[in-house]
Amino acid sequence: MKLLGISLILLASCGAFAQTVDDCIRASCRTYEDVNTLWCHADPGHFCQCRPSPSGTWAPQVMPCAPGTLYSFRRQTCVHPYMHDALECLDGGGGGTDDPADSVLCEEVPCVTYWEINTLVCHADPKQFCQCKPLRIEPTVWVPVAMPCAADTSVHLCSNPGRRTVPTASQTVQDCINVACRTYDDVNTLWCHADPGHFCQCRPSPSGTWAPQVMPCAPGTLYSFRRQTCVHPPMYDDRECDELGPEGGELELALCEEVPCVTYAEVSTLVCHEERTRFCQCRPLKIDPTVWVPVVMPCAESTSFSFLHQTCTRDELWLNSC
């Protein structure tokens, strides 16, 4: 019995530490883009994130997905299994912005004028399109990047990749909910629209300022403010835009603002939130990645945050450790 007990302890210990940085797929923490990228792990229930090390450099660290979810490199988040594509990490899961299949086919798209920046352009792959996006390291500079359509999107083939299409204007900016484009965080936030099949994004105007513009979700998807992306209907919650507008967002941040983010231990620790379905995490400022601030992060659906396990666990397994 004693030998059996020791064996079980050893097996449990091995299982607890089975995920290693060596299993990160082509993870790199050299450049600013690298640090801001979540990398694939051999176990799709985990991903690799660049975190500050005690030596002052950046190093990959294995992070778990919420139970019942798998990591999607293309979406840069953990998703439900039916949204997971195992080919992502083989095709581009470690290539980042260096993957020629995506970036080269968009590099000829101009992103200088107001109209160029606000126009989506055809990609050679009908399941992708080219969009001008601001560089995170220099948000006044816009570059073309390849963006994926939703997995179940009905695609209309472009007869001529690179040909521009005229955006429709049936949805008005007046229907944007509590949208603001004043601060850096405002500009980097996607806002709710009265029509959940659309969202509002701050884009540069001809006058040089930022102004809201209505953007469409992919067909068959609805906008989630909490996830800051368009999601499939089963993941959509129509209360988010009421609860998490600018006023709600400020309240959320206020509940985390006392969390310290100075030492390595503080930055690497997830902290309890007043609501068990959320937690506080130290994240680098986009405008200055050397400064870390506490932000509110949501758990996946049907999970709650466990401080003891430092992840979100299934509701039926959750015990209050805060």
C-alpha atoms as a PDB file:
ATOM      1  CA  MET A   1       0.000   0.000   0.000  1.00  0.00           C
ATOM      2  CA  LYS A   2       2.832   2.388   0.841  1.00  0.00           C
ATOM      3  CA  LEU A   3       4.475   1.747  -2.549  1.00  0.00           C
ATOM      4  CA  LEU A   4       1.144   2.269  -4.301  1.00  0.00           C
ATOM      5  CA  GLY A   5       0.649   5.560  -2.458  1.00  0.00           C
ATOM      6  CA  ILE A   6       4.144   6.746  -3.402  1.00  0.00           C
ATOM      7  CA  SER A   7       3.525   5.760  -7.030  1.00  0.00           C
ATOM      8  CA  LEU A   8       0.271   7.712  -7.113  1.00  0.00           C
ATOM      9  CA  ILE A   9       1.982  10.769  -5.634  1.00  0.00           C
ATOM     10  CA  LEU A  10       4.746  10.553  -8.236  1.00  0.00           C
ATOM     11  CA  LEU A  11       2.228  10.180 -11.049  1.00  0.00           C
ATOM     12  CA  ALA A  12       0.256  13.160  -9.783  1.00  0.00           C
ATOM     13  CA  SER A  13       3.434  15.208  -9.505  1.00  0.00           C
ATOM     14  CA  CYS A  14       4.443  14.302 -13.050  1.00  0.00           C
ATOM     15  CA  GLY A  15       0.994  15.241 -14.345  1.00  0.00           C
ATOM     16  CA  ALA A  16       1.084  18.605 -12.575  1.00  0.00           C
ATOM     17  CA  PHE A  17       4.364  19.551 -14.229  1.00  0.00           C
ATOM     18  CA  ALA A  18       3.868  17.858 -17.604  1.00  0.00           C
ATOM     19  CA  GLN A  19       3.657  21.152 -19.498  1.00  0.00           C
ATOM     20  CA  THR A  20       7.098  22.611 -20.225  1.00  0.00           C
ATOM     21  CA  VAL A  21       8.408  25.626 -22.117  1.00  0.00           C
ATOM     22  CA  ASP A  22      10.271  23.181 -24.375  1.00  0.00           C
ATOM     23  CA  ASP A  23       6.884  22.262 -25.864  1.00  0.00           C
ATOM     24  CA  CYS A  24       6.185  25.858 -26.957  1.00  0.00           C
ATOM     25  CA  ILE A  25       5.994  25.978 -30.761  1.00  0.00           C
ATOM     26  CA  ARG A  26       8.507  28.455 -32.207  1.00  0.00           C
ATOM     27  CA  ALA A  27       7.904  30.879 -29.334  1.00  0.00           C
ATOM     28  CA  SER A  28      10.015  34.038 -29.490  1.00  0.00           C
ATOM     29  CA  CYS A  29      10.272  36.962 -27.064  1.00  0.00           C
ATOM     30  CA  ARG A  30      12.804  39.144 -28.910  1.00  0.00           C
ATOM     31  CA  THR A  31      10.728  41.894 -30.526  1.00  0.00           C
ATOM     32  CA  TYR A  32       7.779  44.001 -29.398  1.00  0.00           C
ATOM     33  CA  GLU A  33       5.467  42.007 -31.685  1.00  0.00           C
ATOM     34  CA  ASP A  34       6.815  38.756 -30.201  1.00  0.00           C
ATOM     35  CA  VAL A  35       6.055  39.908 -26.649  1.00  0.00           C
ATOM     36  CA  ASN A  36       2.505  40.854 -27.669  1.00  0.00           C
ATOM     37  CA  THR A  37       1.859  37.459 -29.311  1.00  0.00           C
ATOM     38  CA  LEU A  38       0.461  34.382 -27.568  1.00  0.00           C
ATOM     39  CA  TRP A  39       2.234  31.315 -28.974  1.00  0.00           C
ATOM     40  CA  CYS A  40       1.091  27.752 -29.563  1.00  0.00           C
ATOM     41  CA  HIS A  41       1.946  24.879 -27.223  1.00  0.00           C
ATOM     42  CA  ALA A  42       2.106  21.186 -28.108  1.00  0.00           C
ATOM     43  CA  ASP A  43      -0.843  20.702 -25.740  1.00  0.00           C
ATOM     44  CA  PRO A  44      -3.725  22.738 -27.244  1.00  0.00           C
ATOM     45  CA  GLY A  45      -5.165  23.194 -23.760  1.00  0.00           C
ATOM     46  CA  HIS A  46      -2.231  25.536 -23.060  1.00  0.00           C
ATOM     47  CA  PHE A  47      -0.441  28.420 -24.765  1.00  0.00           C
ATOM     48  CA  CYS A  48       2.875  30.235 -24.309  1.00  0.00           C
ATOM     49  CA  GLN A  49       3.073  33.887 -23.264  1.00  0.00           C
ATOM     50  CA  CYS A  50       6.113  36.143 -22.964  1.00  0.00           C
ATOM     51  CA  ARG A  51       6.446  37.281 -19.350  1.00  0.00           C
ATOM     52  CA  PRO A  52       9.147  39.351 -17.611  1.00  0.00           C
ATOM     53  CA  SER A  53      11.872  37.265 -16.007  1.00  0.00           C
ATOM     54  CA  PRO A  54      13.820  38.096 -12.812  1.00  0.00           C
ATOM     55  CA  SER A  55      16.818  39.040 -14.989  1.00  0.00           C
ATOM     56  CA  GLY A  56      14.814  41.846 -16.605  1.00  0.00           C
ATOM     57  CA  THR A  57      14.417  40.103 -19.977  1.00  0.00           C
ATOM     58  CA  TRP A  58      11.342  38.435 -21.473  1.00  0.00           C
ATOM     59  CA  ALA A  59      10.907  34.655 -21.505  1.00  0.00           C
ATOM     60  CA  PRO A  60       8.096  32.296 -22.595  1.00  0.00           C
ATOM     61  CA  GLN A  61       5.874  30.856 -19.895  1.00  0.00           C
ATOM     62  CA  VAL A  62       3.233  28.135 -20.281  1.00  0.00           C
ATOM     63  CA  MET A  63      -0.289  29.353 -19.452  1.00  0.00           C
ATOM     64  CA  PRO A  64      -3.437  27.194 -19.210  1.00  0.00           C
ATOM     65  CA  CYS A  65      -6.673  27.685 -21.114  1.00  0.00           C
ATOM     66  CA  ALA A  66      -9.887  27.537 -19.121  1.00  0.00           C
ATOM     67  CA  PRO A  67     -11.180  23.963 -18.777  1.00  0.00           C
ATOM     68  CA  GLY A  68     -13.118  22.841 -21.827  1.00  0.00           C
ATOM     69  CA  THR A  69     -11.389  25.299 -24.188  1.00  0.00           C
ATOM     70  CA  LEU A  70      -8.464  25.026 -26.646  1.00  0.00           C
ATOM     71  CA  TYR A  71      -5.986  27.651 -27.827  1.00  0.00           C
ATOM     72  CA  SER A  72      -6.491  29.316 -31.222  1.00  0.00           C
ATOM     73  CA  PHE A  73      -3.390  31.072 -32.572  1.00  0.00           C
ATOM     74  CA  ARG A  74      -5.362  32.919 -35.224  1.00  0.00           C
ATOM     75  CA  ARG A  75      -7.831  34.339 -32.700  1.00  0.00           C
ATOM     76  CA  GLN A  76      -5.113  34.791 -30.029  1.00  0.00           C
ATOM     77  CA  THR A  77      -7.388  33.371 -27.335  1.00  0.00           C
ATOM     78  CA  CYS A  78      -8.801  30.094 -26.025  1.00  0.00           C
ATOM     79  CA  VAL A  79     -11.993  28.990 -27.767  1.00  0.00           C
ATOM     80  CA  HIS A  80     -14.620  26.284 -27.532  1.00  0.00           C
ATOM     81  CA  PRO A  81     -13.575  23.010 -29.224  1.00  0.00           C
ATOM     82  CA  TYR A  82     -15.903  23.462 -32.203  1.00  0.00           C
ATOM     83  CA  MET A  83     -14.045  26.692 -33.071  1.00  0.00           C
ATOM     84  CA  HIS A  84     -10.590  25.094 -32.765  1.00  0.00           C
ATOM     85  CA  ASP A  85      -8.501  24.341 -35.861  1.00  0.00           C
ATOM     86  CA  ALA A  86      -5.487  22.112 -35.156  1.00  0.00           C
ATOM     87  CA  LEU A  87      -3.864  23.210 -38.427  1.00  0.00           C
ATOM     88  CA  GLU A  88      -3.352  26.786 -37.194  1.00  0.00           C
ATOM     89  CA  CYS A  89      -0.270  25.949 -35.155  1.00  0.00           C
ATOM     90  CA  LEU A  90       1.194  23.922 -38.021  1.00  0.00           C
ATOM     91  CA  ASP A  91       0.459  26.513 -40.716  1.00  0.00           C
ATOM     92  CA  GLY A  92       1.194  29.735 -38.877  1.00  0.00           C
ATOM     93  CA  GLY A  93       1.169  29.059 -35.175  1.00  0.00           C
ATOM     94  CA  GLY A  94       4.776  30.001 -34.721  1.00  0.00           C
ATOM     95  CA  GLY A  95       5.325  32.118 -37.768  1.00  0.00           C
ATOM     96  CA  GLY A  96       3.633  35.236 -36.454  1.00  0.00           C
ATOM     97  CA  THR A  97       3.893  38.192 -38.795  1.00  0.00           C
ATOM     98  CA  ASP A  98       6.737  36.485 -40.695  1.00  0.00           C
ATOM     99  CA  ASP A  99       4.412  33.911 -42.264  1.00  0.00           C
ATOM    100  CA  PRO A 100       4.578  34.621 -46.031  1.00  0.00           C
ATOM    101  CA  ALA A 101       1.195  33.046 -46.716  1.00  0.00           C
ATOM    102  CA  ASP A 102      -0.488  35.929 -44.907  1.00  0.00           C
ATOM    103  CA  SER A 103       1.703  39.029 -44.923  1.00  0.00           C
ATOM    104  CA  VAL A 104       3.234  38.935 -48.418  1.00  0.00           C
ATOM    105  CA  LEU A 105      -0.151  38.720 -50.143  1.00  0.00           C
ATOM    106  CA  CYS A 106      -1.229  41.932 -48.402  1.00  0.00           C
ATOM    107  CA  GLU A 107       1.994  43.960 -48.457  1.00  0.00           C
ATOM    108  CA  GLU A 108       1.102  45.771 -51.713  1.00  0.00           C
ATOM    109  CA  VAL A 109      -2.112  47.171 -50.196  1.00  0.00           C
ATOM    110  CA  PRO A 110      -1.645  50.927 -49.521  1.00  0.00           C
ATOM    111  CA  CYS A 111      -2.551  52.274 -46.061  1.00  0.00           C
ATOM    112  CA  VAL A 112      -1.928  56.015 -46.381  1.00  0.00           C
ATOM    113  CA  THR A 113      -5.131  57.918 -47.128  1.00  0.00           C
ATOM    114  CA  TYR A 114      -8.348  57.921 -45.107  1.00  0.00           C
ATOM    115  CA  TRP A 115     -10.152  55.856 -47.751  1.00  0.00           C
ATOM    116  CA  GLU A 116      -7.344  53.311 -48.039  1.00  0.00           C
ATOM    117  CA  ILE A 117      -7.277  52.788 -44.280  1.00  0.00           C
ATOM    118  CA  ASN A 118     -11.050  52.352 -44.132  1.00  0.00           C
ATOM    119  CA  THR A 119     -11.346  49.865 -47.013  1.00  0.00           C
ATOM    120  CA  LEU A 120     -11.122  46.076 -46.680  1.00  0.00           C
ATOM    121  CA  VAL A 121      -9.297  44.478 -49.635  1.00  0.00           C
ATOM    122  CA  CYS A 122      -9.631  41.020 -51.193  1.00  0.00           C
ATOM    123  CA  HIS A 123      -7.065  38.346 -50.302  1.00  0.00           C
ATOM    124  CA  ALA A 124      -6.009  35.473 -52.589  1.00  0.00           C
ATOM    125  CA  ASP A 125      -7.493  33.120 -49.980  1.00  0.00           C
ATOM    126  CA  PRO A 126     -11.275  33.792 -49.936  1.00  0.00           C
ATOM    127  CA  LYS A 127     -11.357  32.933 -46.228  1.00  0.00           C
ATOM    128  CA  GLN A 128      -9.150  35.953 -45.463  1.00  0.00           C
ATOM    129  CA  PHE A 129      -9.065  39.652 -46.287  1.00  0.00           C
ATOM    130  CA  CYS A 130      -6.541  42.493 -46.016  1.00  0.00           C
ATOM    131  CA  GLN A 131      -7.130  45.274 -43.490  1.00  0.00           C
ATOM    132  CA  CYS A 132      -5.072  48.324 -42.557  1.00  0.00           C
ATOM    133  CA  LYS A 133      -4.273  48.281 -38.838  1.00  0.00           C
ATOM    134  CA  PRO A 134      -2.120  50.572 -36.663  1.00  0.00           C
ATOM    135  CA  LEU A 135       1.209  49.273 -35.408  1.00  0.00           C
ATOM    136  CA  ARG A 136       1.031  48.675 -31.674  1.00  0.00           C
ATOM    137  CA  ILE A 137       4.518  50.088 -31.227  1.00  0.00           C
ATOM    138  CA  GLU A 138       3.660  53.200 -33.311  1.00  0.00           C
ATOM    139  CA  PRO A 139      -0.127  53.657 -33.609  1.00  0.00           C
ATOM    140  CA  THR A 140       0.173  56.530 -36.092  1.00  0.00           C
ATOM    141  CA  VAL A 141       1.628  54.142 -38.697  1.00  0.00           C
ATOM    142  CA  TRP A 142      -0.821  51.857 -40.508  1.00  0.00           C
ATOM    143  CA  VAL A 143       0.174  48.587 -42.218  1.00  0.00           C
ATOM    144  CA  PRO A 144      -1.812  45.947 -44.155  1.00  0.00           C
ATOM    145  CA  VAL A 145      -2.366  42.627 -42.403  1.00  0.00           C
ATOM    146  CA  ALA A 146      -4.255  39.457 -43.334  1.00  0.00           C
ATOM    147  CA  MET A 147      -7.383  38.879 -41.244  1.00  0.00           C
ATOM    148  CA  PRO A 148      -9.390  35.620 -41.066  1.00  0.00           C
ATOM    149  CA  CYS A 149     -13.106  35.261 -41.652  1.00  0.00           C
ATOM    150  CA  ALA A 150     -15.156  33.310 -39.101  1.00  0.00           C
ATOM    151  CA  ALA A 151     -14.926  29.534 -39.481  1.00  0.00           C
ATOM    152  CA  ASP A 152     -18.485  29.154 -40.801  1.00  0.00           C
ATOM    153  CA  THR A 153     -18.650  32.329 -42.879  1.00  0.00           C
ATOM    154  CA  SER A 154     -20.318  32.117 -46.276  1.00  0.00           C
ATOM    155  CA  VAL A 155     -17.594  33.404 -48.596  1.00  0.00           C
ATOM    156  CA  HIS A 156     -18.123  35.317 -51.842  1.00  0.00           C
ATOM    157  CA  LEU A 157     -15.051  34.861 -54.018  1.00  0.00           C
ATOM    158  CA  CYS A 158     -13.230  37.958 -55.230  1.00  0.00           C
ATOM    159  CA  SER A 159     -12.752  37.842 -58.991  1.00  0.00           C
ATOM    160  CA  ASN A 160      -9.615  39.935 -58.646  1.00  0.00           C
ATOM    161  CA  PRO A 161      -7.557  39.726 -55.407  1.00  0.00           C
ATOM    162  CA  GLY A 162      -6.500  43.239 -54.433  1.00  0.00           C
ATOM    163  CA  ARG A 163      -9.664  44.801 -55.908  1.00  0.00           C
ATOM    164  CA  ARG A 164     -11.355  47.266 -53.591  1.00  0.00           C
ATOM    165  CA  THR A 165     -15.024  47.123 -52.659  1.00  0.00           C
ATOM    166  CA  VAL A 166     -17.170  50.075 -51.548  1.00  0.00           C
ATOM    167  CA  PRO A 167     -18.216  49.779 -47.884  1.00  0.00           C
ATOM    168  CA  THR A 168     -21.920  50.097 -47.136  1.00  0.00           C
ATOM    169  CA  ALA A 169     -23.284  52.777 -44.801  1.00  0.00           C
ATOM    170  CA  SER A 170     -26.648  51.318 -43.752  1.00  0.00           C
ATOM    171  CA  GLN A 171     -25.670  51.313 -40.055  1.00  0.00           C
ATOM    172  CA  THR A 172     -25.183  54.768 -38.546  1.00  0.00           C
ATOM    173  CA  VAL A 173     -22.649  56.000 -36.008  1.00  0.00           C
ATOM    174  CA  GLN A 174     -25.537  57.455 -33.990  1.00  0.00           C
ATOM    175  CA  ASP A 175     -26.415  53.875 -33.000  1.00  0.00           C
ATOM    176  CA  CYS A 176     -22.990  53.305 -31.393  1.00  0.00           C
ATOM    177  CA  ILE A 177     -23.414  52.717 -27.639  1.00  0.00           C
ATOM    178  CA  ASN A 178     -21.395  55.004 -25.323  1.00  0.00           C
ATOM    179  CA  VAL A 179     -18.568  55.188 -27.854  1.00  0.00           C
ATOM    180  CA  ALA A 180     -15.565  57.432 -27.098  1.00  0.00           C
ATOM    181  CA  CYS A 181     -12.402  58.116 -29.115  1.00  0.00           C
ATOM    182  CA  ARG A 182     -10.588  60.516 -26.769  1.00  0.00           C
ATOM    183  CA  THR A 183      -7.926  58.480 -24.974  1.00  0.00           C
ATOM    184  CA  TYR A 184      -5.454  55.834 -26.121  1.00  0.00           C
ATOM    185  CA  ASP A 185      -7.530  53.133 -24.434  1.00  0.00           C
ATOM    186  CA  ASP A 186     -10.677  54.444 -26.152  1.00  0.00           C
ATOM    187  CA  VAL A 187      -9.008  54.138 -29.554  1.00  0.00           C
ATOM    188  CA  ASN A 188      -7.945  50.569 -28.784  1.00  0.00           C
ATOM    189  CA  THR A 189     -11.458  49.526 -27.696  1.00  0.00           C
ATOM    190  CA  LEU A 190     -14.139  48.110 -29.988  1.00  0.00           C
ATOM    191  CA  TRP A 191     -17.523  49.515 -28.921  1.00  0.00           C
ATOM    192  CA  CYS A 192     -21.056  48.128 -29.028  1.00  0.00           C
ATOM    193  CA  HIS A 193     -23.612  49.027 -31.691  1.00  0.00           C
ATOM    194  CA  ALA A 194     -27.411  48.854 -31.396  1.00  0.00           C
ATOM    195  CA  ASP A 195     -27.285  46.154 -34.086  1.00  0.00           C
ATOM    196  CA  PRO A 196     -25.281  43.272 -32.517  1.00  0.00           C
ATOM    197  CA  GLY A 197     -24.165  42.187 -35.979  1.00  0.00           C
ATOM    198  CA  HIS A 198     -21.981  45.321 -36.042  1.00  0.00           C
ATOM    199  CA  PHE A 199     -19.552  47.124 -33.739  1.00  0.00           C
ATOM    200  CA  CYS A 200     -17.985  50.585 -33.593  1.00  0.00           C
ATOM    201  CA  GLN A 201     -14.250  51.180 -34.031  1.00  0.00           C
ATOM    202  CA  CYS A 202     -12.257  54.395 -33.676  1.00  0.00           C
ATOM    203  CA  ARG A 203     -10.590  55.180 -37.009  1.00  0.00           C
ATOM    204  CA  PRO A 204      -8.536  58.205 -38.148  1.00  0.00           C
ATOM    205  CA  SER A 205     -10.580  60.962 -39.799  1.00  0.00           C
ATOM    206  CA  PRO A 206      -9.434  63.281 -42.622  1.00  0.00           C
ATOM    207  CA  SER A 207      -8.963  66.060 -40.038  1.00  0.00           C
ATOM    208  CA  GLY A 208      -6.320  63.996 -38.224  1.00  0.00           C
ATOM    209  CA  THR A 209      -8.531  63.171 -35.223  1.00  0.00           C
ATOM    210  CA  TRP A 210     -10.152  59.860 -34.313  1.00  0.00           C
ATOM    211  CA  ALA A 211     -13.845  59.213 -34.970  1.00  0.00           C
ATOM    212  CA  PRO A 212     -16.141  56.183 -34.549  1.00  0.00           C
ATOM    213  CA  GLN A 213     -17.016  54.089 -37.578  1.00  0.00           C
ATOM    214  CA  VAL A 214     -19.471  51.198 -37.860  1.00  0.00           C
ATOM    215  CA  MET A 215     -17.851  47.872 -38.790  1.00  0.00           C
ATOM    216  CA  PRO A 216     -19.636  44.594 -39.651  1.00  0.00           C
ATOM    217  CA  CYS A 217     -19.193  41.231 -37.969  1.00  0.00           C
ATOM    218  CA  ALA A 218     -18.743  38.193 -40.195  1.00  0.00           C
ATOM    219  CA  PRO A 219     -22.088  36.673 -41.279  1.00  0.00           C
ATOM    220  CA  GLY A 220     -23.569  34.449 -38.594  1.00  0.00           C
ATOM    221  CA  THR A 221     -21.645  36.111 -35.730  1.00  0.00           C
ATOM    222  CA  LEU A 222     -22.529  38.767 -33.123  1.00  0.00           C
ATOM    223  CA  TYR A 223     -20.309  41.298 -31.353  1.00  0.00           C
ATOM    224  CA  SER A 224     -19.148  40.576 -27.788  1.00  0.00           C
ATOM    225  CA  PHE A 225     -17.857  43.630 -25.906  1.00  0.00           C
ATOM    226  CA  ARG A 226     -16.321  41.484 -23.180  1.00  0.00           C
ATOM    227  CA  ARG A 227     -14.320  39.385 -25.657  1.00  0.00           C
ATOM    228  CA  GLN A 228     -13.662  42.356 -27.969  1.00  0.00           C
ATOM    229  CA  THR A 229     -14.484  40.276 -31.040  1.00  0.00           C
ATOM    230  CA  CYS A 230     -17.415  38.801 -32.958  1.00  0.00           C
ATOM    231  CA  VAL A 231     -18.511  35.413 -31.649  1.00  0.00           C
ATOM    232  CA  HIS A 232     -20.910  32.620 -32.540  1.00  0.00           C
ATOM    233  CA  PRO A 233     -24.461  33.092 -31.149  1.00  0.00           C
ATOM    234  CA  PRO A 234     -24.083  30.485 -28.326  1.00  0.00           C
ATOM    235  CA  MET A 235     -21.237  32.626 -26.876  1.00  0.00           C
ATOM    236  CA  TYR A 236     -23.169  35.910 -27.176  1.00  0.00           C
ATOM    237  CA  ASP A 237     -24.624  37.719 -24.129  1.00  0.00           C
ATOM    238  CA  ASP A 238     -26.881  40.674 -24.969  1.00  0.00           C
ATOM    239  CA  ARG A 239     -26.360  42.149 -21.468  1.00  0.00           C
ATOM    240  CA  GLU A 240     -22.674  42.905 -22.033  1.00  0.00           C
ATOM    241  CA  CYS A 241     -23.262  46.228 -23.761  1.00  0.00           C
ATOM    242  CA  ASP A 242     -25.490  47.404 -20.903  1.00  0.00           C
ATOM    243  CA  GLU A 243     -23.080  46.268 -18.191  1.00  0.00           C
ATOM    244  CA  LEU A 244     -19.713  46.942 -19.820  1.00  0.00           C
ATOM    245  CA  GLY A 245     -20.028  50.256 -21.637  1.00  0.00           C
ATOM    246  CA  PRO A 246     -17.576  53.058 -20.730  1.00  0.00           C
ATOM    247  CA  GLU A 247     -19.234  53.546 -17.335  1.00  0.00           C
ATOM    248  CA  GLY A 248     -19.238  49.831 -16.633  1.00  0.00           C
ATOM    249  CA  GLY A 249     -15.664  49.511 -17.842  1.00  0.00           C
ATOM    250  CA  GLU A 250     -14.472  52.205 -15.444  1.00  0.00           C
ATOM    251  CA  LEU A 251     -16.237  50.414 -12.593  1.00  0.00           C
ATOM    252  CA  GLU A 252     -14.563  47.154 -13.600  1.00  0.00           C
ATOM    253  CA  LEU A 253     -11.104  48.739 -13.616  1.00  0.00           C
ATOM    254  CA  ALA A 254     -11.759  50.433 -10.270  1.00  0.00           C
ATOM    255  CA  LEU A 255     -12.211  47.004  -8.682  1.00  0.00           C
ATOM    256  CA  CYS A 256      -8.702  46.042  -9.829  1.00  0.00           C
ATOM    257  CA  GLU A 257      -6.795  49.323  -9.493  1.00  0.00           C
ATOM    258  CA  GLU A 258      -5.451  48.473  -6.016  1.00  0.00           C
ATOM    259  CA  VAL A 259      -3.709  45.349  -7.342  1.00  0.00           C
ATOM    260  CA  PRO A 260       0.088  45.938  -7.373  1.00  0.00           C
ATOM    261  CA  CYS A 261       2.001  45.224 -10.601  1.00  0.00           C
ATOM    262  CA  VAL A 262       5.626  46.009  -9.726  1.00  0.00           C
ATOM    263  CA  THR A 263       7.579  42.877  -8.803  1.00  0.00           C
ATOM    264  CA  TYR A 264       7.971  39.711 -10.877  1.00  0.00           C
ATOM    265  CA  ALA A 265       5.796  37.794  -8.405  1.00  0.00           C
ATOM    266  CA  GLU A 266       3.039  40.436  -8.578  1.00  0.00           C
ATOM    267  CA  VAL A 267       3.066  40.583 -12.372  1.00  0.00           C
ATOM    268  CA  SER A 268       2.899  36.781 -12.609  1.00  0.00           C
ATOM    269  CA  THR A 269      -0.001  36.363 -10.136  1.00  0.00           C
ATOM    270  CA  LEU A 270      -3.689  36.411 -11.065  1.00  0.00           C
ATOM    271  CA  VAL A 271      -5.760  38.132  -8.363  1.00  0.00           C
ATOM    272  CA  CYS A 272      -9.371  37.620  -7.278  1.00  0.00           C
ATOM    273  CA  HIS A 273     -12.114  39.950  -8.513  1.00  0.00           C
ATOM    274  CA  GLU A 274     -15.317  40.841  -6.672  1.00  0.00           C
ATOM    275  CA  GLU A 275     -17.164  38.667  -9.186  1.00  0.00           C
ATOM    276  CA  ARG A 276     -15.987  35.077  -9.290  1.00  0.00           C
ATOM    277  CA  THR A 277     -16.394  34.873 -13.095  1.00  0.00           C
ATOM    278  CA  ARG A 278     -13.612  37.448 -13.527  1.00  0.00           C
ATOM    279  CA  PHE A 279     -10.098  38.034 -12.248  1.00  0.00           C
ATOM    280  CA  CYS A 280      -7.443  40.760 -12.211  1.00  0.00           C
ATOM    281  CA  GLN A 281      -4.279  40.343 -14.284  1.00  0.00           C
ATOM    282  CA  CYS A 282      -1.240  42.588 -14.702  1.00  0.00           C
ATOM    283  CA  ARG A 283      -0.809  43.477 -18.391  1.00  0.00           C
ATOM    284  CA  PRO A 284       1.737  45.782 -20.109  1.00  0.00           C
ATOM    285  CA  LEU A 285       0.483  49.124 -21.387  1.00  0.00           C
ATOM    286  CA  LYS A 286       0.282  49.101 -25.184  1.00  0.00           C
ATOM    287  CA  ILE A 287       1.733  52.602 -25.290  1.00  0.00           C
ATOM    288  CA  ASP A 288       4.610  51.666 -22.924  1.00  0.00           C
ATOM    289  CA  PRO A 289       5.128  47.904 -22.483  1.00  0.00           C
ATOM    290  CA  THR A 290       7.595  48.434 -19.634  1.00  0.00           C
ATOM    291  CA  VAL A 291       4.721  49.643 -17.423  1.00  0.00           C
ATOM    292  CA  TRP A 292       2.293  47.030 -16.095  1.00  0.00           C
ATOM    293  CA  VAL A 293      -1.250  47.812 -14.931  1.00  0.00           C
ATOM    294  CA  PRO A 294      -4.058  45.636 -13.494  1.00  0.00           C
ATOM    295  CA  VAL A 295      -6.974  44.899 -15.832  1.00  0.00           C
ATOM    296  CA  VAL A 296     -10.174  42.867 -15.512  1.00  0.00           C
ATOM    297  CA  MET A 297     -10.226  39.588 -17.440  1.00  0.00           C
ATOM    298  CA  PRO A 298     -13.251  37.289 -17.934  1.00  0.00           C
ATOM    299  CA  CYS A 299     -13.423  33.560 -17.347  1.00  0.00           C
ATOM    300  CA  ALA A 300     -14.829  31.325 -20.060  1.00  0.00           C
ATOM    301  CA  GLU A 301     -18.532  30.523 -19.926  1.00  0.00           C
ATOM    302  CA  SER A 302     -19.537  28.163 -17.067  1.00  0.00           C
ATOM    303  CA  THR A 303     -16.198  28.652 -15.266  1.00  0.00           C
ATOM    304  CA  SER A 304     -15.106  30.674 -12.212  1.00  0.00           C
ATOM    305  CA  PHE A 305     -11.714  31.936 -11.058  1.00  0.00           C
ATOM    306  CA  SER A 306      -9.727  29.912  -8.544  1.00  0.00           C
ATOM    307  CA  PHE A 307      -6.880  31.800  -6.849  1.00  0.00           C
ATOM    308  CA  LEU A 308      -5.427  28.519  -5.595  1.00  0.00           C
ATOM    309  CA  HIS A 309      -5.173  27.030  -9.093  1.00  0.00           C
ATOM    310  CA  GLN A 310      -4.423  30.376 -10.799  1.00  0.00           C
ATOM    311  CA  THR A 311      -6.939  29.660 -13.552  1.00  0.00           C
ATOM    312  CA  CYS A 312     -10.675  29.441 -14.194  1.00  0.00           C
ATOM    313  CA  THR A 313     -12.214  26.101 -13.254  1.00  0.00           C
ATOM    314  CA  ARG A 314     -15.550  24.506 -14.055  1.00  0.00           C
ATOM    315  CA  ASP A 315     -18.348  25.834 -11.849  1.00  0.00           C
ATOM    316  CA  GLU A 316     -19.142  22.370 -10.484  1.00  0.00           C
ATOM    317  CA  LEU A 317     -15.486  21.954  -9.361  1.00  0.00           C
ATOM    318  CA  TRP A 318     -15.024  25.506  -8.046  1.00  0.00           C
ATOM    319  CA  LEU A 319     -14.153  26.166  -4.404  1.00  0.00           C
ATOM    320  CA  ASN A 320     -13.738  29.683  -3.054  1.00  0.00           C
ATOM    321  CA  SER A 321      -9.997  30.210  -2.427  1.00  0.00           C
ATOM    322  CA  CYS A 322     -10.103  34.017  -2.399  1.00  0.00           C
END
